[in-house]
Amino acid sequence: MKTFIFPVVKLTRTNGYVAIRADSLDEAQAIELSQSQLAKEFQSTYSERFEYEKKKFNPIHQQFFGDTT
């Protein structure tokens, strides 16, 4: 019996926060941050959900990690 290798993507939902310095809450709420700014400033607090997605068979994965005979 052969072992066939399938790629899997793990998706994680992570909660956290960003710290915004401003003179007032209204001013802080009005600030728009880009995706790159959010990614740079993001502080993780916890991960609450994990999902796994099996992808289509890829011969490259088989070559590197599985049976080739």
PDB file of N, CA and C in Angstrom:
ATOM      1  N   MET A   1       0.856  -1.173   0.000  1.00  0.00           N
ATOM      2  CA  MET A   1       0.000   0.000   0.000  1.00  0.00           C
ATOM      3  C   MET A   1       0.902   1.237   0.000  1.00  0.00           C
ATOM      4  N   LYS A   2       0.554   2.244  -0.804  1.00  0.00           N
ATOM      5  CA  LYS A   2       1.330   3.481  -0.911  1.00  0.00           C
ATOM      6  C   LYS A   2       0.726   4.554  -0.016  1.00  0.00           C
ATOM      7  N   THR A   3       1.549   5.519   0.320  1.00  0.00           N
ATOM      8  CA  THR A   3       1.091   6.694   1.063  1.00  0.00           C
ATOM      9  C   THR A   3       1.053   7.868   0.103  1.00  0.00           C
ATOM     10  N   PHE A   4      -0.096   8.510  -0.005  1.00  0.00           N
ATOM     11  CA  PHE A   4      -0.248   9.657  -0.885  1.00  0.00           C
ATOM     12  C   PHE A   4      -0.321  10.929  -0.036  1.00  0.00           C
ATOM     13  N   ILE A   5       0.413  11.911  -0.448  1.00  0.00           N
ATOM     14  CA  ILE A   5       0.536  13.159   0.317  1.00  0.00           C
ATOM     15  C   ILE A   5      -0.336  14.237  -0.329  1.00  0.00           C
ATOM     16  N   PHE A   6      -1.200  14.849   0.462  1.00  0.00           N
ATOM     17  CA  PHE A   6      -2.051  15.947   0.008  1.00  0.00           C
ATOM     18  C   PHE A   6      -1.710  17.200   0.804  1.00  0.00           C
ATOM     19  N   PRO A   7      -1.549  18.344   0.151  1.00  0.00           N
ATOM     20  CA  PRO A   7      -1.307  19.583   0.886  1.00  0.00           C
ATOM     21  C   PRO A   7      -2.554  19.987   1.680  1.00  0.00           C
ATOM     22  N   VAL A   8      -2.344  20.570   2.838  1.00  0.00           N
ATOM     23  CA  VAL A   8      -3.427  21.052   3.700  1.00  0.00           C
ATOM     24  C   VAL A   8      -3.087  22.476   4.139  1.00  0.00           C
ATOM     25  N   VAL A   9      -4.084  23.332   4.116  1.00  0.00           N
ATOM     26  CA  VAL A   9      -3.931  24.699   4.599  1.00  0.00           C
ATOM     27  C   VAL A   9      -4.619  24.791   5.956  1.00  0.00           C
ATOM     28  N   LYS A  10      -3.912  25.328   6.948  1.00  0.00           N
ATOM     29  CA  LYS A  10      -4.499  25.546   8.267  1.00  0.00           C
ATOM     30  C   LYS A  10      -4.869  27.023   8.372  1.00  0.00           C
ATOM     31  N   LEU A  11      -6.141  27.284   8.593  1.00  0.00           N
ATOM     32  CA  LEU A  11      -6.633  28.655   8.751  1.00  0.00           C
ATOM     33  C   LEU A  11      -6.898  28.896  10.235  1.00  0.00           C
ATOM     34  N   THR A  12      -6.385  29.979  10.748  1.00  0.00           N
ATOM     35  CA  THR A  12      -6.533  30.302  12.159  1.00  0.00           C
ATOM     36  C   THR A  12      -7.176  31.666  12.305  1.00  0.00           C
ATOM     37  N   ARG A  13      -8.173  31.744  13.155  1.00  0.00           N
ATOM     38  CA  ARG A  13      -8.777  33.039  13.487  1.00  0.00           C
ATOM     39  C   ARG A  13      -8.150  33.476  14.807  1.00  0.00           C
ATOM     40  N   THR A  14      -7.411  34.577  14.750  1.00  0.00           N
ATOM     41  CA  THR A  14      -6.697  35.079  15.918  1.00  0.00           C
ATOM     42  C   THR A  14      -7.244  36.444  16.304  1.00  0.00           C
ATOM     43  N   ASN A  15      -7.589  36.596  17.555  1.00  0.00           N
ATOM     44  CA  ASN A  15      -8.066  37.880  18.076  1.00  0.00           C
ATOM     45  C   ASN A  15      -6.901  38.624  18.701  1.00  0.00           C
ATOM     46  N   GLY A  16      -6.999  39.924  18.683  1.00  0.00           N
ATOM     47  CA  GLY A  16      -5.953  40.751  19.266  1.00  0.00           C
ATOM     48  C   GLY A  16      -6.365  42.211  19.246  1.00  0.00           C
ATOM     49  N   TYR A  17      -5.374  43.077  19.247  1.00  0.00           N
ATOM     50  CA  TYR A  17      -5.666  44.511  19.283  1.00  0.00           C
ATOM     51  C   TYR A  17      -4.530  45.307  18.658  1.00  0.00           C
ATOM     52  N   VAL A  18      -4.792  46.582  18.378  1.00  0.00           N
ATOM     53  CA  VAL A  18      -3.776  47.555  18.004  1.00  0.00           C
ATOM     54  C   VAL A  18      -3.909  48.728  18.965  1.00  0.00           C
ATOM     55  N   ALA A  19      -2.802  49.328  19.301  1.00  0.00           N
ATOM     56  CA  ALA A  19      -2.798  50.490  20.189  1.00  0.00           C
ATOM     57  C   ALA A  19      -2.684  51.750  19.322  1.00  0.00           C
ATOM     58  N   ILE A  20      -3.634  52.670  19.500  1.00  0.00           N
ATOM     59  CA  ILE A  20      -3.634  53.918  18.742  1.00  0.00           C
ATOM     60  C   ILE A  20      -3.507  55.077  19.722  1.00  0.00           C
ATOM     61  N   ARG A  21      -2.482  55.882  19.530  1.00  0.00           N
ATOM     62  CA  ARG A  21      -2.280  57.049  20.389  1.00  0.00           C
ATOM     63  C   ARG A  21      -3.003  58.241  19.777  1.00  0.00           C
ATOM     64  N   ALA A  22      -3.864  58.880  20.579  1.00  0.00           N
ATOM     65  CA  ALA A  22      -4.631  60.040  20.126  1.00  0.00           C
ATOM     66  C   ALA A  22      -5.035  60.858  21.353  1.00  0.00           C
ATOM     67  N   ASP A  23      -5.466  62.083  21.108  1.00  0.00           N
ATOM     68  CA  ASP A  23      -5.886  62.966  22.201  1.00  0.00           C
ATOM     69  C   ASP A  23      -7.273  62.633  22.732  1.00  0.00           C
ATOM     70  N   SER A  24      -8.110  61.972  21.924  1.00  0.00           N
ATOM     71  CA  SER A  24      -9.458  61.622  22.368  1.00  0.00           C
ATOM     72  C   SER A  24      -9.900  60.327  21.696  1.00  0.00           C
ATOM     73  N   LEU A  25     -10.932  59.714  22.256  1.00  0.00           N
ATOM     74  CA  LEU A  25     -11.481  58.497  21.674  1.00  0.00           C
ATOM     75  C   LEU A  25     -12.017  58.773  20.275  1.00  0.00           C
ATOM     76  N   ASP A  26     -12.700  59.902  20.093  1.00  0.00           N
ATOM     77  CA  ASP A  26     -13.225  60.251  18.766  1.00  0.00           C
ATOM     78  C   ASP A  26     -12.107  60.347  17.736  1.00  0.00           C
ATOM     79  N   GLU A  27     -11.008  60.955  18.124  1.00  0.00           N
ATOM     80  CA  GLU A  27      -9.859  61.085  17.220  1.00  0.00           C
ATOM     81  C   GLU A  27      -9.272  59.703  16.904  1.00  0.00           C
ATOM     82  N   ALA A  28      -9.173  58.853  17.906  1.00  0.00           N
ATOM     83  CA  ALA A  28      -8.631  57.502  17.704  1.00  0.00           C
ATOM     84  C   ALA A  28      -9.533  56.686  16.789  1.00  0.00           C
ATOM     85  N   GLN A  29     -10.846  56.812  16.965  1.00  0.00           N
ATOM     86  CA  GLN A  29     -11.788  56.058  16.129  1.00  0.00           C
ATOM     87  C   GLN A  29     -11.767  56.534  14.682  1.00  0.00           C
ATOM     88  N   ALA A  30     -11.406  57.779  14.455  1.00  0.00           N
ATOM     89  CA  ALA A  30     -11.399  58.337  13.104  1.00  0.00           C
ATOM     90  C   ALA A  30     -10.158  57.920  12.303  1.00  0.00           C
ATOM     91  N   ILE A  31      -9.164  57.393  12.974  1.00  0.00           N
ATOM     92  CA  ILE A  31      -7.925  57.013  12.290  1.00  0.00           C
ATOM     93  C   ILE A  31      -8.145  55.733  11.493  1.00  0.00           C
ATOM     94  N   GLU A  32      -7.814  55.776  10.209  1.00  0.00           N
ATOM     95  CA  GLU A  32      -7.918  54.623   9.313  1.00  0.00           C
ATOM     96  C   GLU A  32      -6.524  54.011   9.188  1.00  0.00           C
ATOM     97  N   LEU A  33      -6.436  52.712   9.401  1.00  0.00           N
ATOM     98  CA  LEU A  33      -5.162  52.020   9.264  1.00  0.00           C
ATOM     99  C   LEU A  33      -5.209  51.089   8.062  1.00  0.00           C
ATOM    100  N   SER A  34      -4.116  51.051   7.298  1.00  0.00           N
ATOM    101  CA  SER A  34      -4.022  50.148   6.150  1.00  0.00           C
ATOM    102  C   SER A  34      -3.791  48.722   6.643  1.00  0.00           C
ATOM    103  N   GLN A  35      -3.941  47.754   5.750  1.00  0.00           N
ATOM    104  CA  GLN A  35      -3.698  46.361   6.102  1.00  0.00           C
ATOM    105  C   GLN A  35      -2.258  46.162   6.573  1.00  0.00           C
ATOM    106  N   SER A  36      -1.300  46.818   5.926  1.00  0.00           N
ATOM    107  CA  SER A  36       0.095  46.663   6.337  1.00  0.00           C
ATOM    108  C   SER A  36       0.336  47.293   7.711  1.00  0.00           C
ATOM    109  N   GLN A  37      -0.321  48.413   8.000  1.00  0.00           N
ATOM    110  CA  GLN A  37      -0.195  49.022   9.328  1.00  0.00           C
ATOM    111  C   GLN A  37      -0.816  48.124  10.395  1.00  0.00           C
ATOM    112  N   LEU A  38      -1.988  47.570  10.098  1.00  0.00           N
ATOM    113  CA  LEU A  38      -2.642  46.660  11.040  1.00  0.00           C
ATOM    114  C   LEU A  38      -1.761  45.432  11.292  1.00  0.00           C
ATOM    115  N   ALA A  39      -1.187  44.881  10.235  1.00  0.00           N
ATOM    116  CA  ALA A  39      -0.327  43.708  10.376  1.00  0.00           C
ATOM    117  C   ALA A  39       0.896  44.022  11.234  1.00  0.00           C
ATOM    118  N   LYS A  40       1.453  45.204  11.058  1.00  0.00           N
ATOM    119  CA  LYS A  40       2.653  45.596  11.804  1.00  0.00           C
ATOM    120  C   LYS A  40       2.342  45.839  13.280  1.00  0.00           C
ATOM    121  N   GLU A  41       1.215  46.436  13.570  1.00  0.00           N
ATOM    122  CA  GLU A  41       0.878  46.831  14.936  1.00  0.00           C
ATOM    123  C   GLU A  41       0.074  45.787  15.717  1.00  0.00           C
ATOM    124  N   PHE A  42      -0.427  44.767  15.051  1.00  0.00           N
ATOM    125  CA  PHE A  42      -1.306  43.783  15.665  1.00  0.00           C
ATOM    126  C   PHE A  42      -0.626  43.047  16.815  1.00  0.00           C
ATOM    127  N   GLN A  43      -1.327  42.960  17.939  1.00  0.00           N
ATOM    128  CA  GLN A  43      -0.870  42.208  19.109  1.00  0.00           C
ATOM    129  C   GLN A  43      -1.882  41.088  19.361  1.00  0.00           C
ATOM    130  N   SER A  44      -1.439  39.868  19.268  1.00  0.00           N
ATOM    131  CA  SER A  44      -2.318  38.720  19.433  1.00  0.00           C
ATOM    132  C   SER A  44      -2.657  38.494  20.900  1.00  0.00           C
ATOM    133  N   THR A  45      -3.928  38.183  21.167  1.00  0.00           N
ATOM    134  CA  THR A  45      -4.328  37.819  22.531  1.00  0.00           C
ATOM    135  C   THR A  45      -4.673  36.337  22.616  1.00  0.00           C
ATOM    136  N   TYR A  46      -5.359  35.792  21.605  1.00  0.00           N
ATOM    137  CA  TYR A  46      -5.635  34.352  21.585  1.00  0.00           C
ATOM    138  C   TYR A  46      -6.180  33.941  20.223  1.00  0.00           C
ATOM    139  N   SER A  47      -6.087  32.661  19.944  1.00  0.00           N
ATOM    140  CA  SER A  47      -6.668  32.088  18.727  1.00  0.00           C
ATOM    141  C   SER A  47      -7.876  31.272  19.139  1.00  0.00           C
ATOM    142  N   GLU A  48      -8.981  31.476  18.439  1.00  0.00           N
ATOM    143  CA  GLU A  48     -10.216  30.838  18.868  1.00  0.00           C
ATOM    144  C   GLU A  48     -10.742  29.770  17.921  1.00  0.00           C
ATOM    145  N   ARG A  49     -10.262  29.754  16.703  1.00  0.00           N
ATOM    146  CA  ARG A  49     -10.828  28.787  15.765  1.00  0.00           C
ATOM    147  C   ARG A  49      -9.754  28.339  14.784  1.00  0.00           C
ATOM    148  N   PHE A  50      -9.733  27.059  14.520  1.00  0.00           N
ATOM    149  CA  PHE A  50      -8.814  26.499  13.548  1.00  0.00           C
ATOM    150  C   PHE A  50      -9.622  25.713  12.526  1.00  0.00           C
ATOM    151  N   GLU A  51      -9.299  25.876  11.277  1.00  0.00           N
ATOM    152  CA  GLU A  51      -9.936  25.123  10.217  1.00  0.00           C
ATOM    153  C   GLU A  51      -8.842  24.540   9.340  1.00  0.00           C
ATOM    154  N   TYR A  52      -9.089  23.354   8.826  1.00  0.00           N
ATOM    155  CA  TYR A  52      -8.134  22.688   7.964  1.00  0.00           C
ATOM    156  C   TYR A  52      -8.799  22.426   6.629  1.00  0.00           C
ATOM    157  N   GLU A  53      -8.083  22.733   5.558  1.00  0.00           N
ATOM    158  CA  GLU A  53      -8.628  22.578   4.218  1.00  0.00           C
ATOM    159  C   GLU A  53      -7.686  21.705   3.392  1.00  0.00           C
ATOM    160  N   LYS A  54      -8.168  20.534   3.001  1.00  0.00           N
ATOM    161  CA  LYS A  54      -7.370  19.633   2.165  1.00  0.00           C
ATOM    162  C   LYS A  54      -7.401  20.153   0.736  1.00  0.00           C
ATOM    163  N   LYS A  55      -6.235  20.277   0.137  1.00  0.00           N
ATOM    164  CA  LYS A  55      -6.106  20.772  -1.229  1.00  0.00           C
ATOM    165  C   LYS A  55      -5.985  19.615  -2.213  1.00  0.00           C
ATOM    166  N   LYS A  56      -6.002  19.958  -3.474  1.00  0.00           N
ATOM    167  CA  LYS A  56      -5.875  18.998  -4.546  1.00  0.00           C
ATOM    168  C   LYS A  56      -4.490  18.342  -4.519  1.00  0.00           C
ATOM    169  N   PHE A  57      -4.433  17.082  -4.896  1.00  0.00           N
ATOM    170  CA  PHE A  57      -3.171  16.354  -4.940  1.00  0.00           C
ATOM    171  C   PHE A  57      -2.169  17.116  -5.806  1.00  0.00           C
ATOM    172  N   ASN A  58      -0.919  17.187  -5.306  1.00  0.00           N
ATOM    173  CA  ASN A  58       0.145  17.874  -6.024  1.00  0.00           C
ATOM    174  C   ASN A  58       1.352  16.944  -6.077  1.00  0.00           C
ATOM    175  N   PRO A  59       1.792  16.538  -7.266  1.00  0.00           N
ATOM    176  CA  PRO A  59       2.911  15.600  -7.378  1.00  0.00           C
ATOM    177  C   PRO A  59       4.191  16.084  -6.694  1.00  0.00           C
ATOM    178  N   ILE A  60       4.372  17.377  -6.583  1.00  0.00           N
ATOM    179  CA  ILE A  60       5.571  17.918  -5.919  1.00  0.00           C
ATOM    180  C   ILE A  60       5.600  17.487  -4.458  1.00  0.00           C
ATOM    181  N   HIS A  61       4.464  17.582  -3.766  1.00  0.00           N
ATOM    182  CA  HIS A  61       4.402  17.147  -2.370  1.00  0.00           C
ATOM    183  C   HIS A  61       4.711  15.656  -2.257  1.00  0.00           C
ATOM    184  N   GLN A  62       4.193  14.887  -3.193  1.00  0.00           N
ATOM    185  CA  GLN A  62       4.445  13.443  -3.185  1.00  0.00           C
ATOM    186  C   GLN A  62       5.944  13.171  -3.350  1.00  0.00           C
ATOM    187  N   GLN A  63       6.561  13.913  -4.238  1.00  0.00           N
ATOM    188  CA  GLN A  63       7.993  13.727  -4.508  1.00  0.00           C
ATOM    189  C   GLN A  63       8.833  14.025  -3.253  1.00  0.00           C
ATOM    190  N   PHE A  64       8.490  15.062  -2.533  1.00  0.00           N
ATOM    191  CA  PHE A  64       9.283  15.460  -1.378  1.00  0.00           C
ATOM    192  C   PHE A  64       8.948  14.699  -0.101  1.00  0.00           C
ATOM    193  N   PHE A  65       7.682  14.328   0.111  1.00  0.00           N
ATOM    194  CA  PHE A  65       7.266  13.813   1.420  1.00  0.00           C
ATOM    195  C   PHE A  65       6.662  12.406   1.408  1.00  0.00           C
ATOM    196  N   GLY A  66       6.426  11.826   0.248  1.00  0.00           N
ATOM    197  CA  GLY A  66       5.716  10.560   0.222  1.00  0.00           C
ATOM    198  C   GLY A  66       6.451   9.442  -0.491  1.00  0.00           C
ATOM    199  N   ASP A  67       5.731   8.366  -0.704  1.00  0.00           N
ATOM    200  CA  ASP A  67       6.263   7.217  -1.425  1.00  0.00           C
ATOM    201  C   ASP A  67       6.393   7.572  -2.902  1.00  0.00           C
ATOM    202  N   THR A  68       7.512   7.235  -3.495  1.00  0.00           N
ATOM    203  CA  THR A  68       7.691   7.494  -4.924  1.00  0.00           C
ATOM    204  C   THR A  68       7.823   6.191  -5.711  1.00  0.00           C
ATOM    205  N   THR A  69       7.671   5.081  -5.028  1.00  0.00           N
ATOM    206  CA  THR A  69       7.796   3.794  -5.726  1.00  0.00           C
ATOM    207  C   THR A  69       6.457   3.304  -6.201  1.00  0.00           C
TER     208      THR A  69
END
